[in-house]
Amino acid sequence: MAIAESIVREAEFFLAESGGAQASRLTIVIGEFSGVDEEALSFALPFASEGTRLAGAEFDFEKERADAECRVCGSKQACVFPLAVCASCGSSDVEVSGGTGLVIKSMELNDV
């Protein structure tokens, strides 16, 4: 619930700066390695947004892929959750990039 409340706070801050508009839809990007459970967040957001300018808004989710570059063989590929292992040589000595964030990508607004 804390993550949902944090998203609502951030969106409310933006909406206040935008002249008090109401949000009708938010698109949220969840990184594959972020540790955020999309199903739990989807369940919590409507409750967290009650009584705010996000009340009744629809929430869409996109996944952010995590990529890995192997430090042993130099191969680059997508990571497979939950382990970051090189698909080419099997090494676990990889550098992961992307896939760790949680971002409000876009917000559709209704003028009040």
N, C-alpha and C. Protein backbone atom coordinates (compact mmCIF):
# COMPACT_ATOMS: atom_id res chain seq x y z
N MET A 1 0.82 -1.19 0.00
CA MET A 1 0.00 0.00 0.00
C MET A 1 0.87 1.26 0.00
N ALA A 2 2.03 1.18 0.63
CA ALA A 2 2.91 2.35 0.71
C ALA A 2 3.38 2.80 -0.67
N ILE A 3 3.64 1.85 -1.56
CA ILE A 3 4.07 2.22 -2.92
C ILE A 3 2.93 2.90 -3.65
N ALA A 4 1.72 2.38 -3.52
CA ALA A 4 0.56 2.99 -4.16
C ALA A 4 0.34 4.41 -3.62
N GLU A 5 0.47 4.57 -2.32
CA GLU A 5 0.31 5.90 -1.73
C GLU A 5 1.37 6.87 -2.22
N SER A 6 2.57 6.39 -2.41
CA SER A 6 3.66 7.22 -2.92
C SER A 6 3.37 7.67 -4.36
N ILE A 7 2.87 6.77 -5.18
CA ILE A 7 2.51 7.12 -6.56
C ILE A 7 1.40 8.16 -6.56
N VAL A 8 0.40 7.98 -5.72
CA VAL A 8 -0.70 8.95 -5.64
C VAL A 8 -0.18 10.32 -5.19
N ARG A 9 0.71 10.36 -4.20
CA ARG A 9 1.28 11.63 -3.74
C ARG A 9 2.02 12.35 -4.87
N GLU A 10 2.83 11.61 -5.61
CA GLU A 10 3.57 12.21 -6.73
C GLU A 10 2.63 12.75 -7.80
N ALA A 11 1.61 11.97 -8.13
CA ALA A 11 0.64 12.40 -9.14
C ALA A 11 -0.14 13.61 -8.64
N GLU A 12 -0.53 13.61 -7.37
CA GLU A 12 -1.27 14.74 -6.79
C GLU A 12 -0.42 16.01 -6.83
N PHE A 13 0.87 15.89 -6.57
CA PHE A 13 1.77 17.05 -6.64
C PHE A 13 1.76 17.63 -8.05
N PHE A 14 1.88 16.78 -9.05
CA PHE A 14 1.85 17.23 -10.44
C PHE A 14 0.51 17.88 -10.78
N LEU A 15 -0.58 17.25 -10.35
CA LEU A 15 -1.92 17.78 -10.65
C LEU A 15 -2.13 19.15 -10.00
N ALA A 16 -1.62 19.34 -8.80
CA ALA A 16 -1.73 20.65 -8.14
C ALA A 16 -0.97 21.71 -8.92
N GLU A 17 0.20 21.33 -9.45
CA GLU A 17 1.01 22.25 -10.25
C GLU A 17 0.38 22.53 -11.62
N SER A 18 -0.55 21.68 -12.04
CA SER A 18 -1.19 21.81 -13.35
C SER A 18 -2.54 22.52 -13.26
N GLY A 19 -2.78 23.21 -12.19
CA GLY A 19 -4.00 23.99 -12.08
C GLY A 19 -5.20 23.22 -11.55
N GLY A 20 -4.97 22.11 -10.91
CA GLY A 20 -6.07 21.40 -10.27
C GLY A 20 -6.85 20.45 -11.16
N ALA A 21 -6.26 20.01 -12.25
CA ALA A 21 -6.93 19.04 -13.12
C ALA A 21 -7.11 17.72 -12.40
N GLN A 22 -7.98 16.88 -12.94
CA GLN A 22 -8.19 15.54 -12.40
C GLN A 22 -7.62 14.53 -13.39
N ALA A 23 -7.01 13.46 -12.88
CA ALA A 23 -6.44 12.43 -13.75
C ALA A 23 -7.50 11.40 -14.08
N SER A 24 -7.52 10.98 -15.36
CA SER A 24 -8.45 9.93 -15.77
C SER A 24 -7.72 8.62 -16.04
N ARG A 25 -6.41 8.70 -16.30
CA ARG A 25 -5.63 7.49 -16.58
C ARG A 25 -4.16 7.76 -16.27
N LEU A 26 -3.52 6.78 -15.65
CA LEU A 26 -2.08 6.83 -15.42
C LEU A 26 -1.45 5.60 -16.04
N THR A 27 -0.30 5.78 -16.66
CA THR A 27 0.49 4.66 -17.15
C THR A 27 1.74 4.60 -16.29
N ILE A 28 1.94 3.45 -15.69
CA ILE A 28 3.04 3.24 -14.75
C ILE A 28 3.96 2.16 -15.30
N VAL A 29 5.26 2.46 -15.32
CA VAL A 29 6.25 1.50 -15.80
C VAL A 29 6.91 0.85 -14.60
N ILE A 30 6.86 -0.49 -14.59
CA ILE A 30 7.43 -1.27 -13.49
C ILE A 30 8.62 -2.08 -14.02
N GLY A 31 9.78 -1.85 -13.44
CA GLY A 31 10.97 -2.60 -13.83
C GLY A 31 10.87 -4.06 -13.40
N GLU A 32 11.35 -4.94 -14.26
CA GLU A 32 11.30 -6.38 -13.96
C GLU A 32 12.03 -6.74 -12.66
N PHE A 33 13.07 -6.00 -12.32
CA PHE A 33 13.85 -6.26 -11.12
C PHE A 33 13.55 -5.26 -10.00
N SER A 34 12.44 -4.52 -10.11
CA SER A 34 12.12 -3.49 -9.12
C SER A 34 11.61 -4.06 -7.81
N GLY A 35 11.09 -5.28 -7.85
CA GLY A 35 10.51 -5.87 -6.65
C GLY A 35 9.07 -5.48 -6.43
N VAL A 36 8.49 -4.72 -7.36
CA VAL A 36 7.10 -4.28 -7.23
C VAL A 36 6.20 -5.31 -7.90
N ASP A 37 5.20 -5.77 -7.17
CA ASP A 37 4.24 -6.74 -7.68
C ASP A 37 3.10 -5.98 -8.37
N GLU A 38 2.99 -6.16 -9.69
CA GLU A 38 1.98 -5.44 -10.47
C GLU A 38 0.57 -5.72 -9.97
N GLU A 39 0.28 -6.96 -9.65
CA GLU A 39 -1.07 -7.33 -9.21
C GLU A 39 -1.41 -6.64 -7.88
N ALA A 40 -0.48 -6.62 -6.95
CA ALA A 40 -0.72 -5.97 -5.66
C ALA A 40 -0.88 -4.46 -5.84
N LEU A 41 -0.06 -3.87 -6.70
CA LEU A 41 -0.15 -2.43 -6.95
C LEU A 41 -1.47 -2.08 -7.62
N SER A 42 -1.87 -2.91 -8.57
CA SER A 42 -3.14 -2.71 -9.26
C SER A 42 -4.31 -2.76 -8.28
N PHE A 43 -4.23 -3.61 -7.30
CA PHE A 43 -5.27 -3.74 -6.28
C PHE A 43 -5.27 -2.53 -5.34
N ALA A 44 -4.08 -2.05 -4.96
CA ALA A 44 -3.95 -0.99 -3.95
C ALA A 44 -4.23 0.41 -4.48
N LEU A 45 -3.92 0.67 -5.74
CA LEU A 45 -4.05 2.04 -6.26
C LEU A 45 -5.45 2.63 -6.15
N PRO A 46 -6.52 1.92 -6.49
CA PRO A 46 -7.85 2.52 -6.34
C PRO A 46 -8.16 2.92 -4.89
N PHE A 47 -7.70 2.14 -3.92
CA PHE A 47 -7.92 2.48 -2.52
C PHE A 47 -7.09 3.69 -2.11
N ALA A 48 -5.84 3.73 -2.56
CA ALA A 48 -4.95 4.84 -2.22
C ALA A 48 -5.41 6.15 -2.86
N SER A 49 -6.12 6.06 -3.96
CA SER A 49 -6.53 7.27 -4.67
C SER A 49 -7.91 7.79 -4.26
N GLU A 50 -8.60 7.08 -3.38
CA GLU A 50 -9.91 7.55 -2.91
C GLU A 50 -9.78 8.93 -2.28
N GLY A 51 -10.70 9.82 -2.66
CA GLY A 51 -10.70 11.17 -2.10
C GLY A 51 -9.65 12.09 -2.67
N THR A 52 -8.97 11.68 -3.75
CA THR A 52 -7.95 12.51 -4.40
C THR A 52 -8.38 12.82 -5.83
N ARG A 53 -7.57 13.59 -6.53
CA ARG A 53 -7.86 13.90 -7.94
C ARG A 53 -7.56 12.72 -8.86
N LEU A 54 -7.19 11.60 -8.27
CA LEU A 54 -6.99 10.38 -9.04
C LEU A 54 -8.13 9.39 -8.84
N ALA A 55 -9.09 9.75 -8.00
CA ALA A 55 -10.22 8.85 -7.73
C ALA A 55 -10.93 8.51 -9.03
N GLY A 56 -11.13 7.23 -9.28
CA GLY A 56 -11.81 6.77 -10.49
C GLY A 56 -10.91 6.64 -11.71
N ALA A 57 -9.65 7.01 -11.57
CA ALA A 57 -8.73 6.92 -12.71
C ALA A 57 -8.43 5.46 -13.04
N GLU A 58 -8.11 5.22 -14.29
CA GLU A 58 -7.67 3.89 -14.72
C GLU A 58 -6.15 3.85 -14.63
N PHE A 59 -5.64 2.68 -14.29
CA PHE A 59 -4.19 2.51 -14.15
C PHE A 59 -3.73 1.43 -15.13
N ASP A 60 -2.81 1.82 -16.01
CA ASP A 60 -2.22 0.90 -16.97
C ASP A 60 -0.77 0.65 -16.55
N PHE A 61 -0.29 -0.55 -16.86
CA PHE A 61 1.07 -0.92 -16.47
C PHE A 61 1.86 -1.39 -17.67
N GLU A 62 3.12 -1.02 -17.69
CA GLU A 62 4.07 -1.51 -18.68
C GLU A 62 5.26 -2.07 -17.93
N LYS A 63 5.92 -3.03 -18.53
CA LYS A 63 7.13 -3.63 -17.94
C LYS A 63 8.37 -2.97 -18.55
N GLU A 64 9.36 -2.71 -17.72
CA GLU A 64 10.66 -2.26 -18.18
C GLU A 64 11.61 -3.45 -18.12
N ARG A 65 12.16 -3.79 -19.24
CA ARG A 65 13.06 -4.94 -19.33
C ARG A 65 14.40 -4.63 -18.67
N ALA A 66 14.97 -5.64 -18.07
CA ALA A 66 16.31 -5.54 -17.51
C ALA A 66 17.28 -6.19 -18.50
N ASP A 67 18.35 -5.50 -18.81
CA ASP A 67 19.38 -6.03 -19.71
C ASP A 67 20.64 -6.32 -18.92
N ALA A 68 21.44 -7.24 -19.45
CA ALA A 68 22.70 -7.60 -18.80
C ALA A 68 23.83 -7.67 -19.81
N GLU A 69 24.99 -7.22 -19.38
CA GLU A 69 26.21 -7.36 -20.18
C GLU A 69 27.17 -8.21 -19.37
N CYS A 70 27.61 -9.30 -19.98
CA CYS A 70 28.50 -10.23 -19.31
C CYS A 70 29.92 -9.65 -19.25
N ARG A 71 30.50 -9.66 -18.06
CA ARG A 71 31.87 -9.16 -17.89
C ARG A 71 32.90 -10.20 -18.32
N VAL A 72 32.47 -11.44 -18.53
CA VAL A 72 33.39 -12.51 -18.93
C VAL A 72 33.51 -12.58 -20.45
N CYS A 73 32.37 -12.71 -21.14
CA CYS A 73 32.42 -12.90 -22.59
C CYS A 73 31.94 -11.69 -23.38
N GLY A 74 31.38 -10.66 -22.70
CA GLY A 74 30.95 -9.45 -23.38
C GLY A 74 29.57 -9.52 -24.03
N SER A 75 28.89 -10.63 -23.90
CA SER A 75 27.57 -10.80 -24.48
C SER A 75 26.56 -9.86 -23.83
N LYS A 76 25.63 -9.36 -24.64
CA LYS A 76 24.55 -8.51 -24.13
C LYS A 76 23.22 -9.19 -24.43
N GLN A 77 22.37 -9.25 -23.40
CA GLN A 77 21.06 -9.88 -23.59
C GLN A 77 20.11 -9.42 -22.49
N ALA A 78 18.84 -9.80 -22.65
CA ALA A 78 17.85 -9.50 -21.63
C ALA A 78 18.07 -10.42 -20.44
N CYS A 79 17.86 -9.88 -19.25
CA CYS A 79 17.95 -10.69 -18.03
C CYS A 79 16.67 -11.50 -17.88
N VAL A 80 16.80 -12.65 -17.28
CA VAL A 80 15.64 -13.48 -16.98
C VAL A 80 15.49 -13.49 -15.47
N PHE A 81 14.38 -12.92 -15.00
CA PHE A 81 14.12 -12.86 -13.56
C PHE A 81 13.94 -14.26 -13.02
N PRO A 82 14.43 -14.63 -11.87
CA PRO A 82 15.03 -13.80 -10.84
C PRO A 82 16.56 -13.77 -10.87
N LEU A 83 17.18 -14.48 -11.80
CA LEU A 83 18.64 -14.54 -11.83
C LEU A 83 19.19 -13.81 -13.04
N ALA A 84 20.27 -13.06 -12.82
CA ALA A 84 20.97 -12.41 -13.91
C ALA A 84 22.19 -13.27 -14.25
N VAL A 85 22.02 -14.14 -15.24
CA VAL A 85 23.07 -15.05 -15.66
C VAL A 85 23.25 -14.91 -17.17
N CYS A 86 24.49 -14.93 -17.63
CA CYS A 86 24.78 -14.82 -19.05
C CYS A 86 24.23 -16.04 -19.79
N ALA A 87 23.42 -15.77 -20.81
CA ALA A 87 22.85 -16.86 -21.60
C ALA A 87 23.90 -17.51 -22.51
N SER A 88 24.99 -16.80 -22.79
CA SER A 88 26.02 -17.33 -23.68
C SER A 88 27.01 -18.24 -22.97
N CYS A 89 27.53 -17.78 -21.81
CA CYS A 89 28.58 -18.57 -21.15
C CYS A 89 28.19 -19.08 -19.77
N GLY A 90 27.04 -18.65 -19.23
CA GLY A 90 26.58 -19.12 -17.94
C GLY A 90 27.15 -18.38 -16.74
N SER A 91 27.99 -17.37 -16.98
CA SER A 91 28.59 -16.63 -15.87
C SER A 91 27.54 -15.78 -15.15
N SER A 92 27.70 -15.64 -13.86
CA SER A 92 26.83 -14.75 -13.09
C SER A 92 27.50 -13.38 -12.90
N ASP A 93 28.66 -13.19 -13.53
CA ASP A 93 29.38 -11.91 -13.46
C ASP A 93 28.85 -11.00 -14.56
N VAL A 94 27.66 -10.46 -14.32
CA VAL A 94 27.01 -9.60 -15.31
C VAL A 94 26.68 -8.25 -14.69
N GLU A 95 26.63 -7.24 -15.54
CA GLU A 95 26.22 -5.91 -15.12
C GLU A 95 24.81 -5.69 -15.63
N VAL A 96 23.88 -5.48 -14.72
CA VAL A 96 22.47 -5.29 -15.07
C VAL A 96 22.21 -3.80 -15.26
N SER A 97 21.48 -3.49 -16.33
CA SER A 97 21.06 -2.11 -16.55
C SER A 97 19.58 -2.10 -16.87
N GLY A 98 18.90 -1.12 -16.33
CA GLY A 98 17.46 -1.00 -16.54
C GLY A 98 16.69 -2.02 -15.73
N GLY A 99 15.38 -1.88 -15.77
CA GLY A 99 14.52 -2.85 -15.13
C GLY A 99 14.40 -2.75 -13.62
N THR A 100 14.92 -1.66 -13.03
CA THR A 100 14.86 -1.54 -11.57
C THR A 100 13.96 -0.40 -11.11
N GLY A 101 13.40 0.33 -12.05
CA GLY A 101 12.64 1.52 -11.69
C GLY A 101 11.15 1.32 -11.53
N LEU A 102 10.52 2.37 -11.05
CA LEU A 102 9.06 2.48 -10.95
C LEU A 102 8.76 3.93 -11.30
N VAL A 103 8.09 4.14 -12.45
CA VAL A 103 7.94 5.48 -12.99
C VAL A 103 6.50 5.72 -13.46
N ILE A 104 5.99 6.92 -13.17
CA ILE A 104 4.74 7.34 -13.80
C ILE A 104 5.12 7.84 -15.19
N LYS A 105 4.78 7.08 -16.21
CA LYS A 105 5.16 7.42 -17.58
C LYS A 105 4.29 8.52 -18.16
N SER A 106 2.98 8.42 -17.92
CA SER A 106 2.07 9.42 -18.47
C SER A 106 0.81 9.51 -17.63
N MET A 107 0.13 10.64 -17.79
CA MET A 107 -1.11 10.89 -17.09
C MET A 107 -2.06 11.60 -18.04
N GLU A 108 -3.26 11.06 -18.20
CA GLU A 108 -4.29 11.74 -18.97
C GLU A 108 -5.09 12.59 -18.00
N LEU A 109 -5.35 13.84 -18.36
CA LEU A 109 -6.01 14.76 -17.46
C LEU A 109 -7.38 15.19 -17.98
N ASN A 110 -8.28 15.45 -17.05
CA ASN A 110 -9.58 16.06 -17.33
C ASN A 110 -9.58 17.41 -16.66
N ASP A 111 -9.92 18.44 -17.39
CA ASP A 111 -10.02 19.77 -16.78
C ASP A 111 -11.20 19.81 -15.82
N VAL A 112 -11.02 20.52 -14.73
CA VAL A 112 -12.09 20.63 -13.73
C VAL A 112 -12.80 21.94 -13.93
